[in-house]
Protein backbone atom coordinates (compact mmCIF):
# COMPACT_ATOMS: atom_id res chain seq x y z
CA MET A 1 -59.15 54.88 112.64
CA ASP A 2 -59.15 56.84 115.81
CA CYS A 3 -56.74 56.33 118.79
CA LYS A 4 -58.99 53.99 120.70
CA ASN A 5 -59.08 51.56 117.65
CA ILE A 6 -55.28 51.85 117.26
CA GLU A 7 -54.91 50.66 120.90
CA GLN A 8 -57.17 47.74 120.32
CA HIS A 9 -55.33 46.72 117.02
CA ILE A 10 -51.82 47.53 117.82
CA VAL A 11 -50.82 44.00 118.77
CA ASP A 12 -52.29 42.51 115.84
CA TYR A 13 -50.46 44.92 113.50
CA ILE A 14 -47.16 44.30 115.01
CA ASP A 15 -47.92 40.57 114.75
CA ARG A 16 -49.06 41.06 111.13
CA GLN A 17 -52.52 39.61 111.71
CA LEU A 18 -54.68 42.59 110.30
CA ALA A 19 -56.03 42.69 106.86
CA SER A 20 -53.98 44.98 104.46
CA GLU A 21 -56.53 47.77 104.43
CA GLU A 22 -56.62 47.72 108.29
CA ALA A 23 -52.91 47.50 108.46
CA LYS A 24 -52.59 50.57 106.14
CA GLN A 25 -55.04 52.62 108.22
CA VAL A 26 -53.08 51.70 111.43
CA GLU A 27 -49.51 52.64 109.74
CA GLN A 28 -51.13 56.07 108.47
CA HIS A 29 -52.52 56.82 112.04
CA ILE A 30 -49.25 56.11 113.65
CA GLU A 31 -47.49 58.53 111.27
CA THR A 32 -49.51 61.34 112.35
CA CYS A 33 -50.26 60.78 115.92
CA ASP A 34 -47.54 60.92 118.59
CA ASP A 35 -49.20 59.31 121.30
CA CYS A 36 -50.04 56.31 119.15
CA LYS A 37 -46.48 56.34 118.03
CA VAL A 38 -45.25 56.09 121.59
CA LEU A 39 -47.72 53.12 122.18
CA TYR A 40 -46.27 51.51 118.91
CA ASP A 41 -42.77 51.76 119.98
CA GLU A 42 -43.29 50.68 123.53
CA THR A 43 -45.19 47.56 122.32
CA ASN A 44 -42.54 46.75 119.85
CA LEU A 45 -39.84 46.95 122.71
CA LEU A 46 -41.99 44.62 124.78
CA PHE A 47 -42.30 42.11 121.97
CA SER A 48 -38.36 42.44 121.27
CA ALA A 49 -37.75 41.68 124.97
CA PHE A 50 -39.60 38.50 124.80
CA LYS A 51 -37.89 37.49 121.72
CA ASN A 52 -34.55 38.24 123.12
CA VAL A 53 -34.87 36.22 126.48
CA GLU A 54 -32.65 33.19 126.17
CA GLU A 55 -34.09 29.94 127.24
CA VAL A 56 -31.63 28.84 129.78
CA THR A 57 -31.83 26.94 133.00
CA PRO A 58 -31.00 29.22 136.08
CA SER A 59 -29.32 28.07 139.16
CA ASP A 60 -31.61 27.40 142.17
CA LYS A 61 -30.35 30.47 143.77
CA LEU A 62 -31.27 32.86 140.75
CA ARG A 63 -34.67 31.06 140.58
CA GLU A 64 -35.39 31.87 144.23
CA GLY A 65 -34.25 35.61 143.73
CA PHE A 66 -36.44 35.95 140.60
CA TYR A 67 -39.62 34.57 142.41
CA LYS A 68 -38.95 36.57 145.42
CA LEU A 69 -38.89 39.89 143.28
CA LEU A 70 -41.73 38.81 141.21
CA GLU A 71 -43.85 38.27 144.53
CA GLU A 72 -42.95 41.85 145.64
CA GLU A 73 -44.02 43.21 141.99
CA LYS A 74 -47.22 41.27 142.45
CA GLN A 75 -48.08 42.63 145.83
CA LEU A 76 -47.25 46.26 144.80
CA LEU A 77 -49.62 45.82 141.97
CA ASP A 78 -52.27 44.47 144.12
CA THR A 79 -52.36 47.57 146.36
CA LYS A 80 -53.24 49.87 143.32
CA VAL A 81 -56.48 50.04 141.35
CA VAL A 82 -56.44 51.02 137.84
CA GLN A 83 -59.00 53.75 137.29
CA LEU A 84 -60.72 53.48 133.88
CA PRO A 85 -62.32 56.70 132.52
CA LYS A 86 -66.05 56.49 133.06
CA GLU A 87 -66.89 57.01 129.25
CA SER A 88 -64.87 53.94 128.45
CA LYS A 89 -64.72 50.34 129.40
CA GLU A 90 -61.95 49.38 127.31
CA PHE A 91 -58.93 47.59 128.77
CA PRO A 92 -56.07 50.15 129.61
CA TRP A 93 -53.54 48.68 127.12
CA LYS A 94 -50.91 51.31 127.99
CA TYR A 95 -50.90 50.55 131.52
CA ALA A 96 -50.73 46.86 130.94
CA PHE A 97 -47.70 47.13 128.62
CA GLN A 98 -45.81 49.24 131.39
CA VAL A 99 -46.36 46.48 134.00
CA ALA A 100 -45.58 43.75 131.46
CA ALA A 101 -42.52 45.51 130.15
CA SER A 102 -41.27 45.96 133.81
CA ILE A 103 -41.67 42.27 134.68
CA VAL A 104 -40.04 41.19 131.28
CA PHE A 105 -37.08 43.27 131.88
CA VAL A 106 -36.55 42.07 135.40
CA PHE A 107 -37.00 38.46 134.39
CA ALA A 108 -34.35 39.08 131.36
CA GLY A 109 -31.97 40.45 133.77
CA TYR A 110 -32.28 37.48 136.31
CA PHE A 111 -31.72 34.89 133.53
CA PHE A 112 -28.98 36.78 131.80
CA GLY A 113 -27.07 36.38 135.13
CA SER A 114 -26.82 32.67 134.80
CA HIS A 115 -23.96 33.34 132.39
CA THR A 116 -22.26 36.26 134.17
CA THR A 117 -21.05 36.88 137.74
CA ARG A 118 -23.47 38.01 140.45
CA GLN A 119 -22.05 41.57 140.30
CA ASP A 120 -22.56 41.86 136.55
CA THR A 121 -26.16 40.59 137.01
CA ASN A 122 -27.14 43.29 139.50
CA GLN A 123 -25.70 45.91 137.27
CA GLU A 124 -27.79 44.51 134.36
CA ILE A 125 -30.96 44.52 136.40
CA SER A 126 -30.35 48.01 137.77
CA ALA A 127 -29.72 49.24 134.16
CA LEU A 128 -32.91 47.57 132.81
CA GLN A 129 -34.87 49.13 135.82
CA LYS A 130 -33.66 52.56 135.14
CA GLU A 131 -34.87 51.97 131.51
CA THR A 132 -38.21 50.96 132.38
CA ILE A 133 -38.65 53.95 134.81
CA GLU A 134 -37.41 56.31 131.92
CA LEU A 135 -39.87 54.66 129.54
CA ARG A 136 -42.80 55.48 132.05
CA GLU A 137 -41.51 58.96 132.66
CA GLY A 138 -41.41 59.53 128.75
CA MET A 139 -44.86 58.15 128.19
CA MET A 140 -46.22 60.29 130.96
CA LEU A 141 -44.62 63.56 129.74
CA ALA A 142 -45.69 62.98 126.21
CA MET A 143 -49.33 62.18 127.11
CA ILE A 144 -49.83 65.07 129.59
CA GLU A 145 -49.56 67.44 126.61
CA ASN A 146 -52.37 65.78 124.77
CA GLN A 147 -55.31 67.98 123.61
CA SER A 148 -57.77 65.49 125.10
CA PRO A 149 -58.34 66.30 128.86
CA SER A 150 -59.02 62.20 129.40
CA LYS A 151 -55.67 61.61 128.05
CA ARG A 152 -54.09 63.99 130.35
CA ILE A 153 -55.72 62.57 133.40
CA GLN A 154 -54.50 59.09 132.14
CA ALA A 155 -50.94 60.66 132.00
CA VAL A 156 -51.43 62.04 135.60
CA SER A 157 -52.57 58.66 136.88
CA PHE A 158 -49.33 57.02 135.62
CA THR A 159 -47.46 58.67 138.38
CA GLU A 160 -48.89 56.25 140.82
CA SER A 161 -46.26 53.84 139.70
CA PHE A 162 -43.38 56.30 140.57
CA VAL A 163 -41.95 55.94 144.12
CA LYS A 164 -39.60 58.67 143.71
CA PRO A 165 -40.54 60.76 140.53
CA ASP A 166 -38.11 62.85 138.76
CA VAL A 167 -38.13 66.70 139.34
CA LYS A 168 -39.39 67.11 135.83
CA ILE A 169 -42.37 64.79 136.58
CA LEU A 170 -43.36 66.80 139.48
CA GLU A 171 -42.93 70.04 137.51
CA ALA A 172 -45.20 68.85 134.77
CA LEU A 173 -47.84 67.85 137.39
CA ILE A 174 -47.47 71.34 139.17
CA GLU A 175 -48.18 72.93 135.76
CA ARG A 176 -51.20 70.80 135.26
CA MET A 177 -52.59 71.87 138.64
CA GLN A 178 -51.81 75.32 138.18
CA TYR A 179 -52.83 76.18 134.45
CA ASP A 180 -54.69 73.18 132.92
CA GLY A 181 -58.03 74.55 131.32
CA ASN A 182 -59.95 71.53 132.56
CA ILE A 183 -60.80 71.48 136.21
CA ASN A 184 -60.82 67.71 136.35
CA VAL A 185 -57.30 67.77 135.14
CA ARG A 186 -56.19 70.26 137.79
CA LEU A 187 -57.99 68.19 140.46
CA ALA A 188 -56.31 64.92 139.26
CA ALA A 189 -52.91 66.60 139.31
CA ALA A 190 -53.49 67.89 142.71
CA GLU A 191 -54.38 64.50 144.02
CA ALA A 192 -51.29 62.89 142.40
CA LEU A 193 -49.01 65.55 143.80
CA SER A 194 -50.38 65.09 147.27
CA GLU A 195 -48.76 61.48 147.45
CA PHE A 196 -45.42 63.37 147.66
CA PRO A 197 -45.81 65.47 150.83
CA GLU A 198 -42.08 65.34 151.60
CA SER A 199 -41.17 67.18 148.16
CA ALA A 200 -40.17 70.86 148.96
CA ILE A 201 -41.34 71.98 145.44
CA VAL A 202 -44.72 70.18 145.99
CA LYS A 203 -45.18 72.04 149.20
CA GLU A 204 -44.36 75.53 147.62
CA ALA A 205 -46.61 74.61 144.75
CA PHE A 206 -49.57 74.07 147.02
CA ILE A 207 -48.89 77.11 148.92
CA GLU A 208 -48.90 79.31 145.66
CA ALA A 209 -51.95 77.49 144.34
CA LEU A 210 -53.91 78.61 147.40
CA THR A 211 -53.36 82.31 146.21
CA THR A 212 -54.13 81.69 142.65
CA GLN A 213 -56.92 78.88 142.27
CA LYS A 214 -60.41 80.09 142.28
CA ASP A 215 -62.34 76.91 142.03
CA PRO A 216 -63.85 75.84 145.23
CA SER A 217 -63.29 72.14 144.79
CA LEU A 218 -59.47 72.69 144.00
CA GLN A 219 -59.21 75.30 147.00
CA ILE A 220 -60.64 72.59 149.25
CA ALA A 221 -58.20 69.90 147.98
CA ILE A 222 -55.27 72.23 148.43
CA ILE A 223 -56.35 73.32 151.99
CA GLN A 224 -56.84 69.69 153.04
CA PHE A 225 -53.25 68.87 151.77
CA LEU A 226 -51.54 71.76 153.55
CA VAL A 227 -53.44 70.90 156.72
CA ASN A 228 -52.47 67.34 156.58
CA ILE A 229 -48.82 68.03 156.32
CA GLN A 230 -49.25 70.81 159.04
CA GLU A 231 -47.65 73.53 156.67
CA LYS A 232 -47.55 76.56 158.89
CA ARG A 233 -46.40 78.83 155.82
CA ALA A 234 -50.09 78.14 154.62
CA ILE A 235 -51.65 80.22 157.29
CA ALA A 236 -50.82 83.61 155.80
CA PRO A 237 -52.53 83.00 152.42
CA MET A 238 -55.46 81.23 154.25
CA GLN A 239 -55.98 84.31 156.13
CA GLN A 240 -56.00 86.46 152.99
CA LEU A 241 -58.66 84.20 151.64
CA LEU A 242 -60.82 85.04 154.66
CA GLU A 243 -60.40 88.81 153.81
CA HIS A 244 -61.55 88.41 150.30
CA SER A 245 -65.21 89.29 149.77
CA ASP A 246 -65.56 86.93 146.74
CA THR A 247 -64.42 83.74 148.92
CA PRO A 248 -67.63 81.51 149.43
CA ASP A 249 -68.65 81.08 153.02
CA PHE A 250 -68.20 77.31 152.99
CA ILE A 251 -64.53 77.96 151.80
CA LYS A 252 -64.14 80.24 154.67
CA GLU A 253 -65.22 77.53 156.84
CA GLN A 254 -62.86 75.24 155.52
CA VAL A 255 -60.01 77.80 155.94
CA ASN A 256 -61.11 78.56 159.57
CA SER A 257 -61.08 74.87 160.35
CA GLY A 258 -57.75 74.43 158.71
CA ILE A 259 -55.92 77.32 160.55
CA SER A 260 -57.22 75.98 163.80
CA GLN A 261 -55.82 72.49 163.04
CA ILE A 262 -52.33 73.90 162.00
CA ILE A 263 -51.89 76.40 164.91
C-alpha cells in the first residue's frame, strides 16, 4: 500500500474493520512511513477524545457558551477554502482530522466544566486548545520535510489555520521559500508567508529573497509583497535588479512600478 491508500484505510484499520491481509499491509506501512505514522497517531487521538467525552447534561450557561464558540469556529472555517492538489480528487483526511480534533477538544472542555468551577473550565479549554495548536504545528513541520513536493505544498497550506504561527513555523516556511528545489513549493511558501506582513522575520526574509531568487514568478510575488507593505528597505535591492543585465525586461518593469509606489 502507498500513502494514499493508507489515508483511505486508516479509520477502518483503527476500527478493526479491515481484512487481516489489508490490516497487515497497513501496519507494515505505518512502521516504515513517518507521515502515515503521524496520521495514525492523530486519528487515534481523535477517536480517544470521542470515547473519553463523558455523557453529562451541561448547564444552560455552559450550553450557550459552547454553541457560541462552535458557531465562531464554523464561521472561521467557512472563510477558508481547502485546495486539493490538481492530480488528486481524494478527500483531505489530514485536514479533516485537524478540524474535527479541534472541535472535539473544545467540546470536551466545555462539558468537563459541568463538574468543575468556571475558572478550572477555562484553564482546561486553554490547555486543550494549546495542545491542538501544537498538534497542527507538529504535523506541518513533519510533512514539510517530505520528499514529495505535493506533500510539502500540503504542509505549507496548513499554516492557513494559524492566526499567530510560532517562530519555528515561519522559519520552516522561509527555508522552503529560499531553498526548496521545487518552484511550486517556493511559491506556495511565499504566498503563505505573505499572510503575516507584521512579522519582522518575514519582512527580512522577503528582502533577502529579492537578492537571491532568480525565478521570475517568485521575483514578482516577492516584489508585490514588499510593495503592498510599503517596505522602503526593498528599494535598494530592487535597484540592484535594474542594474543586472540578466534581469528580464518584464521584471524590470515590475521593479520600476514597485519603486514608484513605495517612494
